[in-house]
Amino acid sequence: MSDYECLLYEEADGIATVTLNRPDKHNSFSPTQIAEIEDVWKKLRFNDDVACVIVTGAGERAFSSGIDLTHAHPQPVSKMIIDDPMLRIGPKTNDMWKPVIAAVNGMACGGAFYILGEVEFIIASENATFFDPHVTHGMPCIYEPILMLQRMPIGEIMRLSLLGRHERMSAKRAYEIGLVSEVVPFDGLMEAARWSAEVIASAPDQVAMESTVKAIWAAQHSNLAQAFHSAPLYINVVDGASGTAERANNLRHQKIEPRIR
């Protein structure tokens, strides 16, 4: 991977860690950071050395506060055209189907949901909060709740969308409604995320993992009959080891202790 201005990228033992790195701006997305995260997802599609990805934010204050409106983001002249730059930042939007774990530290609000709505699961630190300030500033809240509705009860996403910046969903509440799969102390956040990533990376066939991810996401947007009809396509695409057997074999021989959450 290239060196990035607004991201940190690390790769080891089959795991890539992508860190949004604008902590002085609450890791909000400038045009540069948007282009860089899009570049990361697209390159990871062709990287056989990576089986799982962790995405997090630098510092303790924020995972991301969404788009940075202090920068100019080009917009079409016609209001009939929507060219939302944040639609470029999610892994699934970029056709990247390797498992992605979000390690959420601090605030995750507004445009952060473009990423969180497209990860496999979320692990949060105890200081994490979730909210969407759009309506407080007189703006409609549209894409973010549409994405998060796939993983939150409608009443909860309605509260986030309609109460704006006046209410923050705690990590505890996010866990209670199933948005977050685990809540850990801040100091243990990356350790918890890495444990899950190591288990995923230790699997013998990367294609089997990607097929599992894509089949489940496809089922989210299908009825039961459609999901069952397409299931054989995802099963038959796996025809043995996908070129990462040596890496996976090495990882399997490491002792990964089971965790109870």
C-alpha atoms as a PDB file:
ATOM      1  CA  MET A   1       0.000   0.000   0.000  1.00  0.00           C
ATOM      2  CA  SER A   2       1.060   3.569  -0.640  1.00  0.00           C
ATOM      3  CA  ASP A   3       1.753   6.030   2.124  1.00  0.00           C
ATOM      4  CA  TYR A   4      -1.355   8.007   2.960  1.00  0.00           C
ATOM      5  CA  GLU A   5      -1.811  11.526   4.249  1.00  0.00           C
ATOM      6  CA  CYS A   6      -4.994  10.937   6.269  1.00  0.00           C
ATOM      7  CA  LEU A   7      -4.854   7.213   7.011  1.00  0.00           C
ATOM      8  CA  LEU A   8      -2.535   4.819   8.799  1.00  0.00           C
ATOM      9  CA  TYR A   9      -2.224   1.396   7.209  1.00  0.00           C
ATOM     10  CA  GLU A  10      -0.619  -1.637   8.831  1.00  0.00           C
ATOM     11  CA  GLU A  11      -0.538  -5.213   7.620  1.00  0.00           C
ATOM     12  CA  ALA A  12       0.619  -8.304   9.519  1.00  0.00           C
ATOM     13  CA  ASP A  13      -0.361 -11.965   9.897  1.00  0.00           C
ATOM     14  CA  GLY A  14      -3.185 -11.737   7.386  1.00  0.00           C
ATOM     15  CA  ILE A  15      -4.768  -8.702   9.085  1.00  0.00           C
ATOM     16  CA  ALA A  16      -4.878  -5.138   7.769  1.00  0.00           C
ATOM     17  CA  THR A  17      -5.519  -2.311  10.221  1.00  0.00           C
ATOM     18  CA  VAL A  18      -6.858   0.901   8.693  1.00  0.00           C
ATOM     19  CA  THR A  19      -6.853   3.925  11.013  1.00  0.00           C
ATOM     20  CA  LEU A  20      -8.662   7.154  10.159  1.00  0.00           C
ATOM     21  CA  ASN A  21      -5.921   9.602  11.050  1.00  0.00           C
ATOM     22  CA  ARG A  22      -7.222  13.142  11.502  1.00  0.00           C
ATOM     23  CA  PRO A  23      -7.646  13.154  15.293  1.00  0.00           C
ATOM     24  CA  ASP A  24      -7.476  16.959  15.499  1.00  0.00           C
ATOM     25  CA  LYS A  25     -10.590  17.015  13.262  1.00  0.00           C
ATOM     26  CA  HIS A  26     -12.339  14.097  15.019  1.00  0.00           C
ATOM     27  CA  ASN A  27     -11.249  11.915  12.078  1.00  0.00           C
ATOM     28  CA  SER A  28     -13.774  13.656   9.835  1.00  0.00           C
ATOM     29  CA  PHE A  29     -13.561  12.982   6.125  1.00  0.00           C
ATOM     30  CA  SER A  30     -11.782  15.532   3.968  1.00  0.00           C
ATOM     31  CA  PRO A  31     -11.750  14.999   0.179  1.00  0.00           C
ATOM     32  CA  THR A  32      -8.262  13.500   0.596  1.00  0.00           C
ATOM     33  CA  GLN A  33      -9.354  11.015   3.253  1.00  0.00           C
ATOM     34  CA  ILE A  34     -12.379  10.014   1.155  1.00  0.00           C
ATOM     35  CA  ALA A  35     -10.113   9.274  -1.811  1.00  0.00           C
ATOM     36  CA  GLU A  36      -7.630   7.390   0.378  1.00  0.00           C
ATOM     37  CA  ILE A  37     -10.167   5.087   2.074  1.00  0.00           C
ATOM     38  CA  GLU A  38     -11.699   4.326  -1.311  1.00  0.00           C
ATOM     39  CA  ASP A  39      -8.215   3.459  -2.587  1.00  0.00           C
ATOM     40  CA  VAL A  40      -7.600   1.146   0.396  1.00  0.00           C
ATOM     41  CA  TRP A  41     -10.795  -0.874  -0.150  1.00  0.00           C
ATOM     42  CA  LYS A  42     -10.151  -1.240  -3.866  1.00  0.00           C
ATOM     43  CA  LYS A  43      -6.561  -2.384  -3.373  1.00  0.00           C
ATOM     44  CA  LEU A  44      -7.495  -4.852  -0.642  1.00  0.00           C
ATOM     45  CA  ARG A  45      -9.671  -6.736  -3.154  1.00  0.00           C
ATOM     46  CA  PHE A  46      -6.456  -7.891  -4.857  1.00  0.00           C
ATOM     47  CA  ASN A  47      -4.304  -8.437  -1.770  1.00  0.00           C
ATOM     48  CA  ASP A  48      -4.114 -12.169  -1.052  1.00  0.00           C
ATOM     49  CA  ASP A  49      -1.994 -11.520   2.033  1.00  0.00           C
ATOM     50  CA  VAL A  50      -4.960  -9.980   3.862  1.00  0.00           C
ATOM     51  CA  ALA A  51      -7.869 -12.085   5.100  1.00  0.00           C
ATOM     52  CA  CYS A  52      -9.498  -9.633   7.525  1.00  0.00           C
ATOM     53  CA  VAL A  53      -9.556  -5.870   8.072  1.00  0.00           C
ATOM     54  CA  ILE A  54      -9.903  -3.770  11.224  1.00  0.00           C
ATOM     55  CA  VAL A  55     -10.992  -0.148  10.775  1.00  0.00           C
ATOM     56  CA  THR A  56     -10.672   2.322  13.650  1.00  0.00           C
ATOM     57  CA  GLY A  57     -10.006   5.979  14.417  1.00  0.00           C
ATOM     58  CA  ALA A  58      -6.907   7.672  15.802  1.00  0.00           C
ATOM     59  CA  GLY A  59      -7.017   9.065  19.330  1.00  0.00           C
ATOM     60  CA  GLU A  60      -9.570   8.647  22.101  1.00  0.00           C
ATOM     61  CA  ARG A  61     -12.160  11.267  21.162  1.00  0.00           C
ATOM     62  CA  ALA A  62     -13.680   9.960  17.939  1.00  0.00           C
ATOM     63  CA  PHE A  63     -13.951   7.099  15.522  1.00  0.00           C
ATOM     64  CA  SER A  64     -15.226   9.666  13.002  1.00  0.00           C
ATOM     65  CA  SER A  65     -17.543  12.665  13.048  1.00  0.00           C
ATOM     66  CA  GLY A  66     -18.482  12.223   9.390  1.00  0.00           C
ATOM     67  CA  ILE A  67     -17.772  14.589   6.531  1.00  0.00           C
ATOM     68  CA  ASP A  68     -15.552  17.636   7.139  1.00  0.00           C
ATOM     69  CA  LEU A  69     -17.680  20.550   5.935  1.00  0.00           C
ATOM     70  CA  THR A  70     -14.801  22.990   6.249  1.00  0.00           C
ATOM     71  CA  HIS A  71     -13.587  21.545   2.940  1.00  0.00           C
ATOM     72  CA  ALA A  72     -15.257  22.120  -0.405  1.00  0.00           C
ATOM     73  CA  HIS A  73     -16.820  18.921  -1.705  1.00  0.00           C
ATOM     74  CA  PRO A  74     -17.809  19.257  -5.400  1.00  0.00           C
ATOM     75  CA  GLN A  75     -21.572  19.054  -5.967  1.00  0.00           C
ATOM     76  CA  PRO A  76     -23.625  18.953  -9.181  1.00  0.00           C
ATOM     77  CA  VAL A  77     -25.479  22.109 -10.190  1.00  0.00           C
ATOM     78  CA  SER A  78     -28.816  20.310 -10.600  1.00  0.00           C
ATOM     79  CA  LYS A  79     -30.714  19.325  -7.429  1.00  0.00           C
ATOM     80  CA  MET A  80     -32.035  16.354  -9.393  1.00  0.00           C
ATOM     81  CA  ILE A  81     -28.558  14.799  -9.190  1.00  0.00           C
ATOM     82  CA  ILE A  82     -27.103  13.408  -5.983  1.00  0.00           C
ATOM     83  CA  ASP A  83     -23.343  12.986  -5.976  1.00  0.00           C
ATOM     84  CA  ASP A  84     -22.647  12.216  -2.328  1.00  0.00           C
ATOM     85  CA  PRO A  85     -18.874  11.849  -1.851  1.00  0.00           C
ATOM     86  CA  MET A  86     -19.406   9.735   1.290  1.00  0.00           C
ATOM     87  CA  LEU A  87     -20.998   6.989  -0.788  1.00  0.00           C
ATOM     88  CA  ARG A  88     -17.409   6.132  -1.772  1.00  0.00           C
ATOM     89  CA  ILE A  89     -16.082   5.234   1.694  1.00  0.00           C
ATOM     90  CA  GLY A  90     -17.722   1.891   2.512  1.00  0.00           C
ATOM     91  CA  PRO A  91     -16.074  -1.495   1.835  1.00  0.00           C
ATOM     92  CA  LYS A  92     -19.158  -3.086   0.243  1.00  0.00           C
ATOM     93  CA  THR A  93     -19.744  -0.043  -1.951  1.00  0.00           C
ATOM     94  CA  ASN A  94     -16.246  -0.699  -3.313  1.00  0.00           C
ATOM     95  CA  ASP A  95     -16.986  -4.411  -3.889  1.00  0.00           C
ATOM     96  CA  MET A  96     -14.600  -5.462  -1.099  1.00  0.00           C
ATOM     97  CA  TRP A  97     -15.946  -8.609   0.597  1.00  0.00           C
ATOM     98  CA  LYS A  98     -13.177  -9.558   3.001  1.00  0.00           C
ATOM     99  CA  PRO A  99     -14.516  -9.425   6.582  1.00  0.00           C
ATOM    100  CA  VAL A 100     -14.259  -5.977   8.145  1.00  0.00           C
ATOM    101  CA  ILE A 101     -14.416  -5.334  11.901  1.00  0.00           C
ATOM    102  CA  ALA A 102     -14.986  -1.801  13.194  1.00  0.00           C
ATOM    103  CA  ALA A 103     -13.250  -0.861  16.445  1.00  0.00           C
ATOM    104  CA  VAL A 104     -15.176   2.227  17.543  1.00  0.00           C
ATOM    105  CA  ASN A 105     -13.499   4.611  19.974  1.00  0.00           C
ATOM    106  CA  GLY A 106     -15.255   7.770  21.118  1.00  0.00           C
ATOM    107  CA  MET A 107     -17.802   9.518  18.890  1.00  0.00           C
ATOM    108  CA  ALA A 108     -19.244   7.875  15.807  1.00  0.00           C
ATOM    109  CA  CYS A 109     -21.709  10.210  14.206  1.00  0.00           C
ATOM    110  CA  GLY A 110     -23.250  11.288  10.931  1.00  0.00           C
ATOM    111  CA  GLY A 111     -21.132  10.187   8.004  1.00  0.00           C
ATOM    112  CA  ALA A 112     -19.317   7.598  10.139  1.00  0.00           C
ATOM    113  CA  PHE A 113     -22.388   5.444   9.506  1.00  0.00           C
ATOM    114  CA  TYR A 114     -21.411   5.079   5.837  1.00  0.00           C
ATOM    115  CA  ILE A 115     -18.623   2.795   7.073  1.00  0.00           C
ATOM    116  CA  LEU A 116     -20.347   1.292  10.121  1.00  0.00           C
ATOM    117  CA  GLY A 117     -23.326   0.350   7.978  1.00  0.00           C
ATOM    118  CA  GLU A 118     -21.058  -1.812   5.808  1.00  0.00           C
ATOM    119  CA  VAL A 119     -18.892  -3.696   8.323  1.00  0.00           C
ATOM    120  CA  GLU A 120     -19.475  -7.241   9.572  1.00  0.00           C
ATOM    121  CA  PHE A 121     -19.627  -6.295  13.235  1.00  0.00           C
ATOM    122  CA  ILE A 122     -18.709  -3.504  15.613  1.00  0.00           C
ATOM    123  CA  ILE A 123     -16.671  -3.658  18.815  1.00  0.00           C
ATOM    124  CA  ALA A 124     -16.888  -0.491  20.903  1.00  0.00           C
ATOM    125  CA  SER A 125     -14.903   1.010  23.723  1.00  0.00           C
ATOM    126  CA  GLU A 126     -16.820   2.043  26.828  1.00  0.00           C
ATOM    127  CA  ASN A 127     -16.510   5.722  25.867  1.00  0.00           C
ATOM    128  CA  ALA A 128     -18.064   5.210  22.419  1.00  0.00           C
ATOM    129  CA  THR A 129     -21.205   7.182  21.548  1.00  0.00           C
ATOM    130  CA  PHE A 130     -23.424   7.134  18.462  1.00  0.00           C
ATOM    131  CA  PHE A 131     -25.539  10.025  17.143  1.00  0.00           C
ATOM    132  CA  ASP A 132     -26.507  11.916  13.988  1.00  0.00           C
ATOM    133  CA  PRO A 133     -26.680  15.725  14.099  1.00  0.00           C
ATOM    134  CA  HIS A 134     -28.147  16.375  10.620  1.00  0.00           C
ATOM    135  CA  VAL A 135     -31.637  17.584  11.597  1.00  0.00           C
ATOM    136  CA  THR A 136     -30.239  19.792  14.378  1.00  0.00           C
ATOM    137  CA  HIS A 137     -28.535  21.785  11.617  1.00  0.00           C
ATOM    138  CA  GLY A 138     -31.614  21.841   9.368  1.00  0.00           C
ATOM    139  CA  MET A 139     -30.377  19.096   7.051  1.00  0.00           C
ATOM    140  CA  PRO A 140     -32.280  15.922   6.129  1.00  0.00           C
ATOM    141  CA  CYS A 141     -30.889  12.692   7.551  1.00  0.00           C
ATOM    142  CA  ILE A 142     -31.180  10.169   4.710  1.00  0.00           C
ATOM    143  CA  TYR A 143     -28.351   7.840   3.680  1.00  0.00           C
ATOM    144  CA  GLU A 144     -27.019   7.292   7.190  1.00  0.00           C
ATOM    145  CA  PRO A 145     -30.238   5.892   8.695  1.00  0.00           C
ATOM    146  CA  ILE A 146     -30.940   3.874   5.548  1.00  0.00           C
ATOM    147  CA  LEU A 147     -27.601   2.117   6.031  1.00  0.00           C
ATOM    148  CA  MET A 148     -27.962   1.706   9.793  1.00  0.00           C
ATOM    149  CA  LEU A 149     -31.548   0.455   9.537  1.00  0.00           C
ATOM    150  CA  GLN A 150     -29.998  -2.805   8.321  1.00  0.00           C
ATOM    151  CA  ARG A 151     -28.570  -3.358  11.822  1.00  0.00           C
ATOM    152  CA  MET A 152     -30.772  -1.369  14.230  1.00  0.00           C
ATOM    153  CA  PRO A 153     -34.452  -1.503  15.256  1.00  0.00           C
ATOM    154  CA  ILE A 154     -36.476   1.196  13.493  1.00  0.00           C
ATOM    155  CA  GLY A 155     -37.389   2.954  16.745  1.00  0.00           C
ATOM    156  CA  GLU A 156     -33.727   3.327  17.680  1.00  0.00           C
ATOM    157  CA  ILE A 157     -32.597   4.722  14.333  1.00  0.00           C
ATOM    158  CA  MET A 158     -35.611   7.069  14.425  1.00  0.00           C
ATOM    159  CA  ARG A 159     -34.421   8.409  17.792  1.00  0.00           C
ATOM    160  CA  LEU A 160     -30.889   8.947  16.472  1.00  0.00           C
ATOM    161  CA  SER A 161     -32.201  10.609  13.320  1.00  0.00           C
ATOM    162  CA  LEU A 162     -34.855  12.851  14.882  1.00  0.00           C
ATOM    163  CA  LEU A 163     -33.168  13.900  18.140  1.00  0.00           C
ATOM    164  CA  GLY A 164     -29.993  14.980  16.366  1.00  0.00           C
ATOM    165  CA  ARG A 165     -27.123  16.102  18.526  1.00  0.00           C
ATOM    166  CA  HIS A 166     -29.316  16.341  21.638  1.00  0.00           C
ATOM    167  CA  GLU A 167     -29.035  12.644  22.481  1.00  0.00           C
ATOM    168  CA  ARG A 168     -26.059  10.302  22.379  1.00  0.00           C
ATOM    169  CA  MET A 169     -26.472   6.537  22.279  1.00  0.00           C
ATOM    170  CA  SER A 170     -24.010   5.000  24.707  1.00  0.00           C
ATOM    171  CA  ALA A 171     -21.922   1.921  23.986  1.00  0.00           C
ATOM    172  CA  LYS A 172     -24.009   0.087  26.579  1.00  0.00           C
ATOM    173  CA  ARG A 173     -27.268   0.935  24.798  1.00  0.00           C
ATOM    174  CA  ALA A 174     -25.729   0.098  21.414  1.00  0.00           C
ATOM    175  CA  TYR A 175     -24.859  -3.332  22.795  1.00  0.00           C
ATOM    176  CA  GLU A 176     -28.359  -3.829  24.201  1.00  0.00           C
ATOM    177  CA  ILE A 177     -29.984  -3.249  20.782  1.00  0.00           C
ATOM    178  CA  GLY A 178     -27.458  -5.361  18.870  1.00  0.00           C
ATOM    179  CA  LEU A 179     -25.682  -2.537  17.031  1.00  0.00           C
ATOM    180  CA  VAL A 180     -22.467  -3.396  18.881  1.00  0.00           C
ATOM    181  CA  SER A 181     -21.390  -6.984  19.493  1.00  0.00           C
ATOM    182  CA  GLU A 182     -18.999  -6.256  22.370  1.00  0.00           C
ATOM    183  CA  VAL A 183     -18.096  -3.380  24.692  1.00  0.00           C
ATOM    184  CA  VAL A 184     -14.618  -3.268  26.201  1.00  0.00           C
ATOM    185  CA  PRO A 185     -12.432  -0.750  28.068  1.00  0.00           C
ATOM    186  CA  PHE A 186     -10.709   1.712  25.743  1.00  0.00           C
ATOM    187  CA  ASP A 187      -7.297   0.197  26.461  1.00  0.00           C
ATOM    188  CA  GLY A 188      -8.552  -3.237  25.383  1.00  0.00           C
ATOM    189  CA  LEU A 189     -10.342  -2.177  22.201  1.00  0.00           C
ATOM    190  CA  MET A 190      -7.704  -3.101  19.647  1.00  0.00           C
ATOM    191  CA  GLU A 191      -6.842  -6.311  21.504  1.00  0.00           C
ATOM    192  CA  ALA A 192     -10.484  -7.428  21.296  1.00  0.00           C
ATOM    193  CA  ALA A 193     -10.726  -6.513  17.616  1.00  0.00           C
ATOM    194  CA  ARG A 194      -7.458  -8.233  16.811  1.00  0.00           C
ATOM    195  CA  TRP A 195      -8.533 -11.451  18.560  1.00  0.00           C
ATOM    196  CA  SER A 196     -11.561 -11.708  16.276  1.00  0.00           C
ATOM    197  CA  ALA A 197      -9.456 -10.807  13.247  1.00  0.00           C
ATOM    198  CA  GLU A 198      -6.892 -13.505  14.099  1.00  0.00           C
ATOM    199  CA  VAL A 199      -9.617 -16.145  14.304  1.00  0.00           C
ATOM    200  CA  ILE A 200     -10.952 -15.072  10.905  1.00  0.00           C
ATOM    201  CA  ALA A 201      -7.468 -14.961   9.375  1.00  0.00           C
ATOM    202  CA  SER A 202      -6.731 -18.479  10.660  1.00  0.00           C
ATOM    203  CA  ALA A 203      -9.427 -20.003   8.439  1.00  0.00           C
ATOM    204  CA  PRO A 204      -7.966 -22.206   5.674  1.00  0.00           C
ATOM    205  CA  ASP A 205      -9.746 -20.621   2.695  1.00  0.00           C
ATOM    206  CA  GLN A 206     -10.133 -16.906   2.138  1.00  0.00           C
ATOM    207  CA  VAL A 207     -12.676 -17.376  -0.652  1.00  0.00           C
ATOM    208  CA  ALA A 208     -14.895 -19.349   1.726  1.00  0.00           C
ATOM    209  CA  MET A 209     -14.849 -16.387   4.106  1.00  0.00           C
ATOM    210  CA  GLU A 210     -15.646 -13.874   1.363  1.00  0.00           C
ATOM    211  CA  SER A 211     -18.444 -16.098   0.042  1.00  0.00           C
ATOM    212  CA  THR A 212     -19.917 -16.290   3.531  1.00  0.00           C
ATOM    213  CA  VAL A 213     -19.808 -12.509   3.892  1.00  0.00           C
ATOM    214  CA  LYS A 214     -21.347 -11.829   0.489  1.00  0.00           C
ATOM    215  CA  ALA A 215     -24.090 -14.456   0.873  1.00  0.00           C
ATOM    216  CA  ILE A 216     -25.188 -13.033   4.226  1.00  0.00           C
ATOM    217  CA  TRP A 217     -25.216  -9.464   2.930  1.00  0.00           C
ATOM    218  CA  ALA A 218     -27.165 -10.566  -0.137  1.00  0.00           C
ATOM    219  CA  ALA A 219     -29.699 -12.278   2.120  1.00  0.00           C
ATOM    220  CA  GLN A 220     -30.178  -8.997   3.992  1.00  0.00           C
ATOM    221  CA  HIS A 221     -31.644  -7.547   0.820  1.00  0.00           C
ATOM    222  CA  SER A 222     -33.597 -10.624  -0.318  1.00  0.00           C
ATOM    223  CA  ASN A 223     -36.552 -12.612   0.850  1.00  0.00           C
ATOM    224  CA  LEU A 224     -35.936 -16.132   2.138  1.00  0.00           C
ATOM    225  CA  ALA A 225     -36.725 -17.839  -1.187  1.00  0.00           C
ATOM    226  CA  GLN A 226     -34.348 -15.545  -3.108  1.00  0.00           C
ATOM    227  CA  ALA A 227     -31.578 -16.041  -0.545  1.00  0.00           C
ATOM    228  CA  PHE A 228     -31.897 -19.838  -0.722  1.00  0.00           C
ATOM    229  CA  HIS A 229     -31.980 -19.750  -4.517  1.00  0.00           C
ATOM    230  CA  SER A 230     -28.672 -17.858  -4.713  1.00  0.00           C
ATOM    231  CA  ALA A 231     -26.960 -19.815  -1.902  1.00  0.00           C
ATOM    232  CA  PRO A 232     -25.449 -22.516  -4.197  1.00  0.00           C
ATOM    233  CA  LEU A 233     -23.619 -19.806  -6.147  1.00  0.00           C
ATOM    234  CA  TYR A 234     -21.673 -18.835  -3.048  1.00  0.00           C
ATOM    235  CA  ILE A 235     -21.011 -22.458  -2.070  1.00  0.00           C
ATOM    236  CA  ASN A 236     -19.780 -23.566  -5.485  1.00  0.00           C
ATOM    237  CA  VAL A 237     -17.342 -20.681  -5.876  1.00  0.00           C
ATOM    238  CA  VAL A 238     -15.138 -22.315  -3.213  1.00  0.00           C
ATOM    239  CA  ASP A 239     -13.049 -25.031  -4.807  1.00  0.00           C
ATOM    240  CA  GLY A 240     -10.267 -25.525  -2.291  1.00  0.00           C
ATOM    241  CA  ALA A 241      -7.493 -23.432  -0.814  1.00  0.00           C
ATOM    242  CA  SER A 242      -7.377 -19.907  -2.239  1.00  0.00           C
ATOM    243  CA  GLY A 243      -3.647 -19.365  -2.231  1.00  0.00           C
ATOM    244  CA  THR A 244      -3.408 -18.411   1.433  1.00  0.00           C
ATOM    245  CA  ALA A 245      -3.119 -21.892   2.929  1.00  0.00           C
ATOM    246  CA  GLU A 246       0.440 -21.388   4.173  1.00  0.00           C
ATOM    247  CA  ARG A 247      -0.451 -18.169   5.982  1.00  0.00           C
ATOM    248  CA  ALA A 248      -3.626 -19.684   7.432  1.00  0.00           C
ATOM    249  CA  ASN A 249      -1.772 -22.831   8.476  1.00  0.00           C
ATOM    250  CA  ASN A 250       0.804 -20.772  10.344  1.00  0.00           C
ATOM    251  CA  LEU A 251      -1.925 -18.828  12.093  1.00  0.00           C
ATOM    252  CA  ARG A 252      -3.851 -21.967  13.020  1.00  0.00           C
ATOM    253  CA  HIS A 253      -0.781 -23.272  14.812  1.00  0.00           C
ATOM    254  CA  GLN A 254      -0.705 -20.162  16.981  1.00  0.00           C
ATOM    255  CA  LYS A 255      -2.598 -20.616  20.194  1.00  0.00           C
ATOM    256  CA  ILE A 256      -5.751 -18.500  20.002  1.00  0.00           C
ATOM    257  CA  GLU A 257      -7.512 -18.783  23.333  1.00  0.00           C
ATOM    258  CA  PRO A 258     -11.335 -18.792  23.243  1.00  0.00           C
ATOM    259  CA  ARG A 259     -12.995 -15.679  24.686  1.00  0.00           C
ATOM    260  CA  ILE A 260     -16.320 -15.426  26.482  1.00  0.00           C
ATOM    261  CA  ARG A 261     -18.070 -12.095  26.097  1.00  0.00           C
END
